[in-house]
Amino acid sequence: MKRIYHPGGSFVTGSDLADAVMLYAEALGNRQKTDIVDIPVVAEDGGRGRAQILIGAWSQLVSVTSADGLSELIDIQTTDLLKDKVRAGSLSPALSWAGAPQGSPQFDEFDY
């Protein structure tokens, strides 16, 4: 389990879910975009609930391992959805080194 801290407080969620939220927040930040994600969380009373979080370019999130002794919260569908959103906006590896948009000229296209 991990606790995600944000400017308004914190909440506990599954480790894989927290990692996926952090990766998606980073991807959105790199794209200068934001999104709202809806993930399962553990409520203060130990019950299960959901949290909606605005993440993206100016997110200030911190994720730390939680020592609350709770059983791991797993939601494969939500975790996979977040991972898919990270991949959906990625550039191909050949272009990502320079952040070049598709079809940009490469070095071999210039006269030296």
PDB file of N, CA and C in Angstrom:
ATOM      1  N   MET A   1       0.850  -1.174   0.000  1.00  0.00           N
ATOM      2  CA  MET A   1       0.000   0.000   0.000  1.00  0.00           C
ATOM      3  C   MET A   1       0.892   1.232   0.000  1.00  0.00           C
ATOM      4  N   LYS A   2       0.363   2.305  -0.590  1.00  0.00           N
ATOM      5  CA  LYS A   2       1.094   3.572  -0.603  1.00  0.00           C
ATOM      6  C   LYS A   2       0.142   4.713  -0.265  1.00  0.00           C
ATOM      7  N   ARG A   3       0.698   5.727   0.342  1.00  0.00           N
ATOM      8  CA  ARG A   3      -0.052   6.946   0.644  1.00  0.00           C
ATOM      9  C   ARG A   3       0.403   8.005  -0.354  1.00  0.00           C
ATOM     10  N   ILE A   4      -0.567   8.617  -1.025  1.00  0.00           N
ATOM     11  CA  ILE A   4      -0.281   9.707  -1.948  1.00  0.00           C
ATOM     12  C   ILE A   4      -0.640  11.015  -1.251  1.00  0.00           C
ATOM     13  N   TYR A   5       0.356  11.882  -1.160  1.00  0.00           N
ATOM     14  CA  TYR A   5       0.151  13.209  -0.582  1.00  0.00           C
ATOM     15  C   TYR A   5      -0.053  14.209  -1.710  1.00  0.00           C
ATOM     16  N   HIS A   6      -0.990  15.107  -1.515  1.00  0.00           N
ATOM     17  CA  HIS A   6      -1.265  16.182  -2.459  1.00  0.00           C
ATOM     18  C   HIS A   6      -1.503  17.440  -1.636  1.00  0.00           C
ATOM     19  N   PRO A   7      -1.583  18.613  -2.266  1.00  0.00           N
ATOM     20  CA  PRO A   7      -1.714  19.848  -1.486  1.00  0.00           C
ATOM     21  C   PRO A   7      -2.911  19.867  -0.528  1.00  0.00           C
ATOM     22  N   GLY A   8      -3.971  19.113  -0.803  1.00  0.00           N
ATOM     23  CA  GLY A   8      -5.146  19.118   0.058  1.00  0.00           C
ATOM     24  C   GLY A   8      -5.166  18.043   1.126  1.00  0.00           C
ATOM     25  N   GLY A   9      -4.162  17.185   1.188  1.00  0.00           N
ATOM     26  CA  GLY A   9      -4.157  16.108   2.171  1.00  0.00           C
ATOM     27  C   GLY A   9      -3.478  14.871   1.626  1.00  0.00           C
ATOM     28  N   SER A  10      -4.036  13.701   1.961  1.00  0.00           N
ATOM     29  CA  SER A  10      -3.455  12.444   1.493  1.00  0.00           C
ATOM     30  C   SER A  10      -4.505  11.345   1.522  1.00  0.00           C
ATOM     31  N   PHE A  11      -4.183  10.241   0.869  1.00  0.00           N
ATOM     32  CA  PHE A  11      -5.044   9.062   0.878  1.00  0.00           C
ATOM     33  C   PHE A  11      -4.180   7.837   0.633  1.00  0.00           C
ATOM     34  N   VAL A  12      -4.702   6.682   1.017  1.00  0.00           N
ATOM     35  CA  VAL A  12      -3.996   5.411   0.838  1.00  0.00           C
ATOM     36  C   VAL A  12      -4.657   4.639  -0.294  1.00  0.00           C
ATOM     37  N   THR A  13      -3.813   4.061  -1.143  1.00  0.00           N
ATOM     38  CA  THR A  13      -4.293   3.218  -2.235  1.00  0.00           C
ATOM     39  C   THR A  13      -3.283   2.095  -2.445  1.00  0.00           C
ATOM     40  N   GLY A  14      -3.555   1.228  -3.386  1.00  0.00           N
ATOM     41  CA  GLY A  14      -2.646   0.125  -3.682  1.00  0.00           C
ATOM     42  C   GLY A  14      -1.336   0.620  -4.268  1.00  0.00           C
ATOM     43  N   SER A  15      -0.289  -0.144  -4.058  1.00  0.00           N
ATOM     44  CA  SER A  15       1.047   0.239  -4.540  1.00  0.00           C
ATOM     45  C   SER A  15       1.086   0.395  -6.056  1.00  0.00           C
ATOM     46  N   ASP A  16       0.530  -0.572  -6.788  1.00  0.00           N
ATOM     47  CA  ASP A  16       0.530  -0.485  -8.249  1.00  0.00           C
ATOM     48  C   ASP A  16      -0.308   0.695  -8.726  1.00  0.00           C
ATOM     49  N   LEU A  17      -1.421   0.954  -8.057  1.00  0.00           N
ATOM     50  CA  LEU A  17      -2.263   2.096  -8.414  1.00  0.00           C
ATOM     51  C   LEU A  17      -1.515   3.406  -8.188  1.00  0.00           C
ATOM     52  N   ALA A  18      -0.852   3.532  -7.049  1.00  0.00           N
ATOM     53  CA  ALA A  18      -0.095   4.749  -6.742  1.00  0.00           C
ATOM     54  C   ALA A  18       1.013   4.961  -7.771  1.00  0.00           C
ATOM     55  N   ASP A  19       1.717   3.891  -8.115  1.00  0.00           N
ATOM     56  CA  ASP A  19       2.785   4.000  -9.107  1.00  0.00           C
ATOM     57  C   ASP A  19       2.224   4.442 -10.456  1.00  0.00           C
ATOM     58  N   ALA A  20       1.071   3.892 -10.846  1.00  0.00           N
ATOM     59  CA  ALA A  20       0.454   4.256 -12.120  1.00  0.00           C
ATOM     60  C   ALA A  20       0.004   5.719 -12.114  1.00  0.00           C
ATOM     61  N   VAL A  21      -0.530   6.193 -10.998  1.00  0.00           N
ATOM     62  CA  VAL A  21      -0.935   7.604 -10.889  1.00  0.00           C
ATOM     63  C   VAL A  21       0.287   8.503 -11.052  1.00  0.00           C
ATOM     64  N   MET A  22       1.371   8.155 -10.381  1.00  0.00           N
ATOM     65  CA  MET A  22       2.586   8.977 -10.465  1.00  0.00           C
ATOM     66  C   MET A  22       3.146   8.999 -11.886  1.00  0.00           C
ATOM     67  N   LEU A  23       3.177   7.852 -12.549  1.00  0.00           N
ATOM     68  CA  LEU A  23       3.673   7.802 -13.933  1.00  0.00           C
ATOM     69  C   LEU A  23       2.783   8.613 -14.872  1.00  0.00           C
ATOM     70  N   TYR A  24       1.470   8.513 -14.672  1.00  0.00           N
ATOM     71  CA  TYR A  24       0.551   9.267 -15.529  1.00  0.00           C
ATOM     72  C   TYR A  24       0.681  10.768 -15.256  1.00  0.00           C
ATOM     73  N   ALA A  25       0.843  11.165 -14.003  1.00  0.00           N
ATOM     74  CA  ALA A  25       1.035  12.585 -13.676  1.00  0.00           C
ATOM     75  C   ALA A  25       2.303  13.112 -14.350  1.00  0.00           C
ATOM     76  N   GLU A  26       3.363  12.300 -14.333  1.00  0.00           N
ATOM     77  CA  GLU A  26       4.602  12.708 -15.002  1.00  0.00           C
ATOM     78  C   GLU A  26       4.393  12.857 -16.508  1.00  0.00           C
ATOM     79  N   ALA A  27       3.717  11.888 -17.112  1.00  0.00           N
ATOM     80  CA  ALA A  27       3.460  11.939 -18.559  1.00  0.00           C
ATOM     81  C   ALA A  27       2.632  13.166 -18.918  1.00  0.00           C
ATOM     82  N   LEU A  28       1.603  13.442 -18.123  1.00  0.00           N
ATOM     83  CA  LEU A  28       0.785  14.626 -18.379  1.00  0.00           C
ATOM     84  C   LEU A  28       1.602  15.899 -18.221  1.00  0.00           C
ATOM     85  N   GLY A  29       2.463  15.940 -17.211  1.00  0.00           N
ATOM     86  CA  GLY A  29       3.318  17.107 -17.010  1.00  0.00           C
ATOM     87  C   GLY A  29       4.223  17.342 -18.201  1.00  0.00           C
ATOM     88  N   ASN A  30       4.771  16.268 -18.750  1.00  0.00           N
ATOM     89  CA  ASN A  30       5.628  16.388 -19.933  1.00  0.00           C
ATOM     90  C   ASN A  30       4.856  16.889 -21.138  1.00  0.00           C
ATOM     91  N   ARG A  31       3.564  16.625 -21.169  1.00  0.00           N
ATOM     92  CA  ARG A  31       2.712  17.054 -22.287  1.00  0.00           C
ATOM     93  C   ARG A  31       2.039  18.394 -22.017  1.00  0.00           C
ATOM     94  N   GLN A  32       2.273  18.961 -20.824  1.00  0.00           N
ATOM     95  CA  GLN A  32       1.624  20.208 -20.410  1.00  0.00           C
ATOM     96  C   GLN A  32       0.102  20.069 -20.435  1.00  0.00           C
ATOM     97  N   LYS A  33      -0.395  18.951 -19.919  1.00  0.00           N
ATOM     98  CA  LYS A  33      -1.825  18.665 -19.876  1.00  0.00           C
ATOM     99  C   LYS A  33      -2.225  18.251 -18.472  1.00  0.00           C
ATOM    100  N   THR A  34      -3.522  18.200 -18.232  1.00  0.00           N
ATOM    101  CA  THR A  34      -4.063  17.713 -16.966  1.00  0.00           C
ATOM    102  C   THR A  34      -5.180  16.719 -17.257  1.00  0.00           C
ATOM    103  N   ASP A  35      -5.527  15.951 -16.237  1.00  0.00           N
ATOM    104  CA  ASP A  35      -6.635  15.007 -16.349  1.00  0.00           C
ATOM    105  C   ASP A  35      -7.128  14.710 -14.935  1.00  0.00           C
ATOM    106  N   ILE A  36      -8.328  14.208 -14.853  1.00  0.00           N
ATOM    107  CA  ILE A  36      -8.879  13.750 -13.583  1.00  0.00           C
ATOM    108  C   ILE A  36      -8.895  12.237 -13.620  1.00  0.00           C
ATOM    109  N   VAL A  37      -8.296  11.620 -12.606  1.00  0.00           N
ATOM    110  CA  VAL A  37      -8.313  10.168 -12.499  1.00  0.00           C
ATOM    111  C   VAL A  37      -9.182   9.764 -11.322  1.00  0.00           C
ATOM    112  N   ASP A  38      -9.820   8.639 -11.452  1.00  0.00           N
ATOM    113  CA  ASP A  38     -10.708   8.104 -10.421  1.00  0.00           C
ATOM    114  C   ASP A  38     -10.129   6.753 -10.006  1.00  0.00           C
ATOM    115  N   ILE A  39      -9.690   6.658  -8.742  1.00  0.00           N
ATOM    116  CA  ILE A  39      -9.057   5.422  -8.283  1.00  0.00           C
ATOM    117  C   ILE A  39      -9.668   4.963  -6.962  1.00  0.00           C
ATOM    118  N   PRO A  40      -9.589   3.664  -6.695  1.00  0.00           N
ATOM    119  CA  PRO A  40     -10.049   3.165  -5.397  1.00  0.00           C
ATOM    120  C   PRO A  40      -9.047   3.548  -4.295  1.00  0.00           C
ATOM    121  N   VAL A  41      -9.583   3.843  -3.117  1.00  0.00           N
ATOM    122  CA  VAL A  41      -8.752   4.223  -1.975  1.00  0.00           C
ATOM    123  C   VAL A  41      -9.283   3.543  -0.720  1.00  0.00           C
ATOM    124  N   VAL A  42      -8.477   3.596   0.320  1.00  0.00           N
ATOM    125  CA  VAL A  42      -8.890   3.107   1.625  1.00  0.00           C
ATOM    126  C   VAL A  42      -9.313   4.324   2.442  1.00  0.00           C
ATOM    127  N   ALA A  43     -10.543   4.323   2.934  1.00  0.00           N
ATOM    128  CA  ALA A  43     -11.067   5.438   3.721  1.00  0.00           C
ATOM    129  C   ALA A  43     -10.452   5.438   5.116  1.00  0.00           C
ATOM    130  N   GLU A  44     -10.633   6.533   5.837  1.00  0.00           N
ATOM    131  CA  GLU A  44     -10.086   6.666   7.195  1.00  0.00           C
ATOM    132  C   GLU A  44     -10.552   5.543   8.124  1.00  0.00           C
ATOM    133  N   ASP A  45     -11.793   5.063   7.923  1.00  0.00           N
ATOM    134  CA  ASP A  45     -12.334   4.007   8.788  1.00  0.00           C
ATOM    135  C   ASP A  45     -11.937   2.601   8.333  1.00  0.00           C
ATOM    136  N   GLY A  46     -11.082   2.522   7.302  1.00  0.00           N
ATOM    137  CA  GLY A  46     -10.627   1.225   6.799  1.00  0.00           C
ATOM    138  C   GLY A  46     -11.485   0.675   5.685  1.00  0.00           C
ATOM    139  N   GLY A  47     -12.637   1.307   5.428  1.00  0.00           N
ATOM    140  CA  GLY A  47     -13.498   0.883   4.330  1.00  0.00           C
ATOM    141  C   GLY A  47     -12.909   1.301   2.990  1.00  0.00           C
ATOM    142  N   ARG A  48     -13.543   0.853   1.947  1.00  0.00           N
ATOM    143  CA  ARG A  48     -13.075   1.186   0.589  1.00  0.00           C
ATOM    144  C   ARG A  48     -13.918   2.314   0.035  1.00  0.00           C
ATOM    145  N   GLY A  49     -13.279   3.187  -0.710  1.00  0.00           N
ATOM    146  CA  GLY A  49     -13.960   4.302  -1.353  1.00  0.00           C
ATOM    147  C   GLY A  49     -13.254   4.634  -2.649  1.00  0.00           C
ATOM    148  N   ARG A  50     -13.554   5.800  -3.197  1.00  0.00           N
ATOM    149  CA  ARG A  50     -12.924   6.238  -4.441  1.00  0.00           C
ATOM    150  C   ARG A  50     -12.500   7.682  -4.269  1.00  0.00           C
ATOM    151  N   ALA A  51     -11.440   8.035  -4.982  1.00  0.00           N
ATOM    152  CA  ALA A  51     -10.956   9.412  -4.977  1.00  0.00           C
ATOM    153  C   ALA A  51     -10.801   9.872  -6.415  1.00  0.00           C
ATOM    154  N   GLN A  52     -11.160  11.106  -6.649  1.00  0.00           N
ATOM    155  CA  GLN A  52     -10.958  11.728  -7.949  1.00  0.00           C
ATOM    156  C   GLN A  52      -9.869  12.781  -7.744  1.00  0.00           C
ATOM    157  N   ILE A  53      -8.841  12.710  -8.561  1.00  0.00           N
ATOM    158  CA  ILE A  53      -7.675  13.570  -8.397  1.00  0.00           C
ATOM    159  C   ILE A  53      -7.379  14.283  -9.709  1.00  0.00           C
ATOM    160  N   LEU A  54      -7.180  15.588  -9.626  1.00  0.00           N
ATOM    161  CA  LEU A  54      -6.724  16.352 -10.774  1.00  0.00           C
ATOM    162  C   LEU A  54      -5.207  16.261 -10.797  1.00  0.00           C
ATOM    163  N   ILE A  55      -4.663  15.682 -11.854  1.00  0.00           N
ATOM    164  CA  ILE A  55      -3.215  15.527 -11.964  1.00  0.00           C
ATOM    165  C   ILE A  55      -2.748  16.109 -13.280  1.00  0.00           C
ATOM    166  N   GLY A  56      -1.463  16.377 -13.369  1.00  0.00           N
ATOM    167  CA  GLY A  56      -0.918  16.845 -14.623  1.00  0.00           C
ATOM    168  C   GLY A  56       0.252  17.774 -14.475  1.00  0.00           C
ATOM    169  N   ALA A  57       0.285  18.762 -15.356  1.00  0.00           N
ATOM    170  CA  ALA A  57       1.443  19.626 -15.514  1.00  0.00           C
ATOM    171  C   ALA A  57       1.895  20.302 -14.220  1.00  0.00           C
ATOM    172  N   TRP A  58       0.986  20.664 -13.361  1.00  0.00           N
ATOM    173  CA  TRP A  58       1.382  21.362 -12.141  1.00  0.00           C
ATOM    174  C   TRP A  58       1.034  20.571 -10.889  1.00  0.00           C
ATOM    175  N   SER A  59       0.913  19.263 -11.029  1.00  0.00           N
ATOM    176  CA  SER A  59       0.619  18.413  -9.875  1.00  0.00           C
ATOM    177  C   SER A  59       1.786  18.411  -8.906  1.00  0.00           C
ATOM    178  N   GLN A  60       1.458  18.398  -7.656  1.00  0.00           N
ATOM    179  CA  GLN A  60       2.469  18.244  -6.622  1.00  0.00           C
ATOM    180  C   GLN A  60       2.075  17.028  -5.802  1.00  0.00           C
ATOM    181  N   LEU A  61       2.520  15.876  -6.250  1.00  0.00           N
ATOM    182  CA  LEU A  61       2.193  14.615  -5.599  1.00  0.00           C
ATOM    183  C   LEU A  61       3.445  13.968  -5.035  1.00  0.00           C
ATOM    184  N   VAL A  62       3.275  13.295  -3.915  1.00  0.00           N
ATOM    185  CA  VAL A  62       4.338  12.497  -3.328  1.00  0.00           C
ATOM    186  C   VAL A  62       3.717  11.165  -2.948  1.00  0.00           C
ATOM    187  N   SER A  63       4.376  10.081  -3.296  1.00  0.00           N
ATOM    188  CA  SER A  63       3.886   8.742  -2.979  1.00  0.00           C
ATOM    189  C   SER A  63       4.908   8.045  -2.090  1.00  0.00           C
ATOM    190  N   VAL A  64       4.436   7.547  -0.938  1.00  0.00           N
ATOM    191  CA  VAL A  64       5.328   6.845  -0.012  1.00  0.00           C
ATOM    192  C   VAL A  64       4.678   5.550   0.431  1.00  0.00           C
ATOM    193  N   THR A  65       5.499   4.575   0.766  1.00  0.00           N
ATOM    194  CA  THR A  65       4.991   3.308   1.275  1.00  0.00           C
ATOM    195  C   THR A  65       4.239   3.572   2.567  1.00  0.00           C
ATOM    196  N   SER A  66       3.066   2.990   2.691  1.00  0.00           N
ATOM    197  CA  SER A  66       2.224   3.182   3.864  1.00  0.00           C
ATOM    198  C   SER A  66       2.453   2.052   4.848  1.00  0.00           C
ATOM    199  N   ALA A  67       2.605   2.411   6.100  1.00  0.00           N
ATOM    200  CA  ALA A  67       2.819   1.414   7.146  1.00  0.00           C
ATOM    201  C   ALA A  67       1.531   1.167   7.923  1.00  0.00           C
ATOM    202  N   ASP A  68       0.405   1.343   7.258  1.00  0.00           N
ATOM    203  CA  ASP A  68      -0.886   1.210   7.928  1.00  0.00           C
ATOM    204  C   ASP A  68      -1.269  -0.238   8.207  1.00  0.00           C
ATOM    205  N   GLY A  69      -0.544  -1.200   7.669  1.00  0.00           N
ATOM    206  CA  GLY A  69      -0.826  -2.606   7.916  1.00  0.00           C
ATOM    207  C   GLY A  69      -2.103  -3.103   7.263  1.00  0.00           C
ATOM    208  N   LEU A  70      -2.548  -2.421   6.234  1.00  0.00           N
ATOM    209  CA  LEU A  70      -3.769  -2.818   5.536  1.00  0.00           C
ATOM    210  C   LEU A  70      -3.445  -3.822   4.440  1.00  0.00           C
ATOM    211  N   SER A  71      -4.435  -4.618   4.071  1.00  0.00           N
ATOM    212  CA  SER A  71      -4.214  -5.547   2.962  1.00  0.00           C
ATOM    213  C   SER A  71      -4.149  -4.752   1.661  1.00  0.00           C
ATOM    214  N   GLU A  72      -3.324  -5.233   0.741  1.00  0.00           N
ATOM    215  CA  GLU A  72      -3.073  -4.526  -0.519  1.00  0.00           C
ATOM    216  C   GLU A  72      -4.367  -4.325  -1.304  1.00  0.00           C
ATOM    217  N   LEU A  73      -4.560  -3.109  -1.785  1.00  0.00           N
ATOM    218  CA  LEU A  73      -5.713  -2.751  -2.611  1.00  0.00           C
ATOM    219  C   LEU A  73      -5.304  -2.939  -4.068  1.00  0.00           C
ATOM    220  N   ILE A  74      -6.000  -3.813  -4.770  1.00  0.00           N
ATOM    221  CA  ILE A  74      -5.661  -4.124  -6.163  1.00  0.00           C
ATOM    222  C   ILE A  74      -6.870  -3.846  -7.046  1.00  0.00           C
ATOM    223  N   ASP A  75      -6.635  -3.095  -8.110  1.00  0.00           N
ATOM    224  CA  ASP A  75      -7.652  -2.837  -9.127  1.00  0.00           C
ATOM    225  C   ASP A  75      -6.929  -2.853 -10.472  1.00  0.00           C
ATOM    226  N   ILE A  76      -6.812  -4.036 -11.042  1.00  0.00           N
ATOM    227  CA  ILE A  76      -6.046  -4.227 -12.276  1.00  0.00           C
ATOM    228  C   ILE A  76      -6.603  -3.389 -13.418  1.00  0.00           C
ATOM    229  N   GLN A  77      -7.916  -3.290 -13.520  1.00  0.00           N
ATOM    230  CA  GLN A  77      -8.528  -2.539 -14.616  1.00  0.00           C
ATOM    231  C   GLN A  77      -8.122  -1.062 -14.560  1.00  0.00           C
ATOM    232  N   THR A  78      -8.192  -0.437 -13.388  1.00  0.00           N
ATOM    233  CA  THR A  78      -7.816   0.974 -13.254  1.00  0.00           C
ATOM    234  C   THR A  78      -6.322   1.155 -13.474  1.00  0.00           C
ATOM    235  N   THR A  79      -5.510   0.259 -12.931  1.00  0.00           N
ATOM    236  CA  THR A  79      -4.057   0.330 -13.104  1.00  0.00           C
ATOM    237  C   THR A  79      -3.701   0.241 -14.582  1.00  0.00           C
ATOM    238  N   ASP A  80      -4.285  -0.706 -15.289  1.00  0.00           N
ATOM    239  CA  ASP A  80      -4.011  -0.862 -16.724  1.00  0.00           C
ATOM    240  C   ASP A  80      -4.491   0.348 -17.514  1.00  0.00           C
ATOM    241  N   LEU A  81      -5.630   0.912 -17.154  1.00  0.00           N
ATOM    242  CA  LEU A  81      -6.143   2.099 -17.840  1.00  0.00           C
ATOM    243  C   LEU A  81      -5.155   3.258 -17.716  1.00  0.00           C
ATOM    244  N   LEU A  82      -4.633   3.476 -16.513  1.00  0.00           N
ATOM    245  CA  LEU A  82      -3.665   4.553 -16.308  1.00  0.00           C
ATOM    246  C   LEU A  82      -2.389   4.300 -17.098  1.00  0.00           C
ATOM    247  N   LYS A  83      -1.913   3.067 -17.111  1.00  0.00           N
ATOM    248  CA  LYS A  83      -0.710   2.731 -17.875  1.00  0.00           C
ATOM    249  C   LYS A  83      -0.936   2.929 -19.372  1.00  0.00           C
ATOM    250  N   ASP A  84      -2.138   2.583 -19.846  1.00  0.00           N
ATOM    251  CA  ASP A  84      -2.473   2.797 -21.259  1.00  0.00           C
ATOM    252  C   ASP A  84      -2.469   4.286 -21.595  1.00  0.00           C
ATOM    253  N   LYS A  85      -2.956   5.120 -20.671  1.00  0.00           N
ATOM    254  CA  LYS A  85      -2.965   6.565 -20.901  1.00  0.00           C
ATOM    255  C   LYS A  85      -1.546   7.125 -20.957  1.00  0.00           C
ATOM    256  N   VAL A  86      -0.638   6.542 -20.181  1.00  0.00           N
ATOM    257  CA  VAL A  86       0.766   6.963 -20.240  1.00  0.00           C
ATOM    258  C   VAL A  86       1.320   6.663 -21.624  1.00  0.00           C
ATOM    259  N   ARG A  87       1.065   5.441 -22.111  1.00  0.00           N
ATOM    260  CA  ARG A  87       1.585   5.023 -23.417  1.00  0.00           C
ATOM    261  C   ARG A  87       0.906   5.736 -24.574  1.00  0.00           C
ATOM    262  N   ALA A  88      -0.336   6.110 -24.428  1.00  0.00           N
ATOM    263  CA  ALA A  88      -1.104   6.688 -25.533  1.00  0.00           C
ATOM    264  C   ALA A  88      -0.494   7.978 -26.061  1.00  0.00           C
ATOM    265  N   GLY A  89       0.140   8.740 -25.219  1.00  0.00           N
ATOM    266  CA  GLY A  89       0.705  10.006 -25.671  1.00  0.00           C
ATOM    267  C   GLY A  89       2.191   9.970 -25.887  1.00  0.00           C
ATOM    268  N   SER A  90       2.795   8.785 -25.823  1.00  0.00           N
ATOM    269  CA  SER A  90       4.238   8.721 -25.968  1.00  0.00           C
ATOM    270  C   SER A  90       4.648   8.808 -27.425  1.00  0.00           C
ATOM    271  N   LEU A  91       5.811   9.374 -27.622  1.00  0.00           N
ATOM    272  CA  LEU A  91       6.398   9.411 -28.955  1.00  0.00           C
ATOM    273  C   LEU A  91       7.131   8.103 -29.199  1.00  0.00           C
ATOM    274  N   SER A  92       7.337   7.794 -30.448  1.00  0.00           N
ATOM    275  CA  SER A  92       8.113   6.591 -30.743  1.00  0.00           C
ATOM    276  C   SER A  92       9.531   6.795 -30.220  1.00  0.00           C
ATOM    277  N   PRO A  93      10.211   5.733 -29.810  1.00  0.00           N
ATOM    278  CA  PRO A  93      11.552   5.878 -29.242  1.00  0.00           C
ATOM    279  C   PRO A  93      12.516   6.621 -30.145  1.00  0.00           C
ATOM    280  N   ALA A  94      12.377   6.499 -31.451  1.00  0.00           N
ATOM    281  CA  ALA A  94      13.301   7.167 -32.369  1.00  0.00           C
ATOM    282  C   ALA A  94      13.152   8.683 -32.326  1.00  0.00           C
ATOM    283  N   LEU A  95      12.002   9.184 -31.935  1.00  0.00           N
ATOM    284  CA  LEU A  95      11.780  10.621 -31.929  1.00  0.00           C
ATOM    285  C   LEU A  95      11.783  11.223 -30.535  1.00  0.00           C
ATOM    286  N   SER A  96      11.604  10.431 -29.518  1.00  0.00           N
ATOM    287  CA  SER A  96      11.417  10.968 -28.184  1.00  0.00           C
ATOM    288  C   SER A  96      12.659  11.646 -27.615  1.00  0.00           C
ATOM    289  N   TRP A  97      13.839  11.314 -28.091  1.00  0.00           N
ATOM    290  CA  TRP A  97      15.057  11.902 -27.542  1.00  0.00           C
ATOM    291  C   TRP A  97      15.066  13.413 -27.679  1.00  0.00           C
ATOM    292  N   ALA A  98      14.450  13.934 -28.711  1.00  0.00           N
ATOM    293  CA  ALA A  98      14.452  15.381 -28.924  1.00  0.00           C
ATOM    294  C   ALA A  98      13.063  15.975 -28.750  1.00  0.00           C
ATOM    295  N   GLY A  99      12.085  15.170 -28.418  1.00  0.00           N
ATOM    296  CA  GLY A  99      10.728  15.663 -28.329  1.00  0.00           C
ATOM    297  C   GLY A  99      10.201  16.092 -29.684  1.00  0.00           C
ATOM    298  N   ALA A 100      10.759  15.530 -30.742  1.00  0.00           N
ATOM    299  CA  ALA A 100      10.403  15.940 -32.096  1.00  0.00           C
ATOM    300  C   ALA A 100       9.050  15.378 -32.507  1.00  0.00           C
ATOM    301  N   PRO A 101       8.191  16.213 -33.055  1.00  0.00           N
ATOM    302  CA  PRO A 101       6.913  15.693 -33.544  1.00  0.00           C
ATOM    303  C   PRO A 101       7.117  14.790 -34.761  1.00  0.00           C
ATOM    304  N   GLN A 102       6.141  13.945 -34.997  1.00  0.00           N
ATOM    305  CA  GLN A 102       6.208  13.011 -36.117  1.00  0.00           C
ATOM    306  C   GLN A 102       6.463  13.778 -37.418  1.00  0.00           C
ATOM    307  N   GLY A 103       7.389  13.312 -38.226  1.00  0.00           N
ATOM    308  CA  GLY A 103       7.665  13.934 -39.509  1.00  0.00           C
ATOM    309  C   GLY A 103       8.688  15.053 -39.441  1.00  0.00           C
ATOM    310  N   SER A 104       9.256  15.328 -38.274  1.00  0.00           N
ATOM    311  CA  SER A 104      10.269  16.373 -38.175  1.00  0.00           C
ATOM    312  C   SER A 104      11.521  15.950 -38.923  1.00  0.00           C
ATOM    313  N   PRO A 105      12.254  16.923 -39.487  1.00  0.00           N
ATOM    314  CA  PRO A 105      13.481  16.563 -40.201  1.00  0.00           C
ATOM    315  C   PRO A 105      14.512  15.968 -39.256  1.00  0.00           C
ATOM    316  N   GLN A 106      15.251  15.006 -39.743  1.00  0.00           N
ATOM    317  CA  GLN A 106      16.320  14.402 -38.970  1.00  0.00           C
ATOM    318  C   GLN A 106      17.648  14.973 -39.472  1.00  0.00           C
ATOM    319  N   PHE A 107      18.740  14.728 -38.749  1.00  0.00           N
ATOM    320  CA  PHE A 107      20.022  15.326 -39.097  1.00  0.00           C
ATOM    321  C   PHE A 107      20.487  14.988 -40.497  1.00  0.00           C
ATOM    322  N   ASP A 108      20.149  13.787 -40.978  1.00  0.00           N
ATOM    323  CA  ASP A 108      20.644  13.404 -42.311  1.00  0.00           C
ATOM    324  C   ASP A 108      19.905  14.139 -43.428  1.00  0.00           C
ATOM    325  N   GLU A 109      18.894  14.934 -43.113  1.00  0.00           N
ATOM    326  CA  GLU A 109      18.160  15.667 -44.122  1.00  0.00           C
ATOM    327  C   GLU A 109      18.716  17.076 -44.339  1.00  0.00           C
ATOM    328  N   PHE A 110      19.736  17.467 -43.578  1.00  0.00           N
ATOM    329  CA  PHE A 110      20.323  18.796 -43.696  1.00  0.00           C
ATOM    330  C   PHE A 110      21.610  18.744 -44.495  1.00  0.00           C
ATOM    331  N   ASP A 111      21.914  19.816 -45.226  1.00  0.00           N
ATOM    332  CA  ASP A 111      23.194  19.929 -45.928  1.00  0.00           C
ATOM    333  C   ASP A 111      24.189  20.547 -44.964  1.00  0.00           C
ATOM    334  N   TYR A 112      25.394  19.976 -44.895  1.00  0.00           N
ATOM    335  CA  TYR A 112      26.436  20.510 -44.003  1.00  0.00           C
ATOM    336  C   TYR A 112      27.541  21.102 -44.811  1.00  0.00           C
TER     337      TYR A 112
END
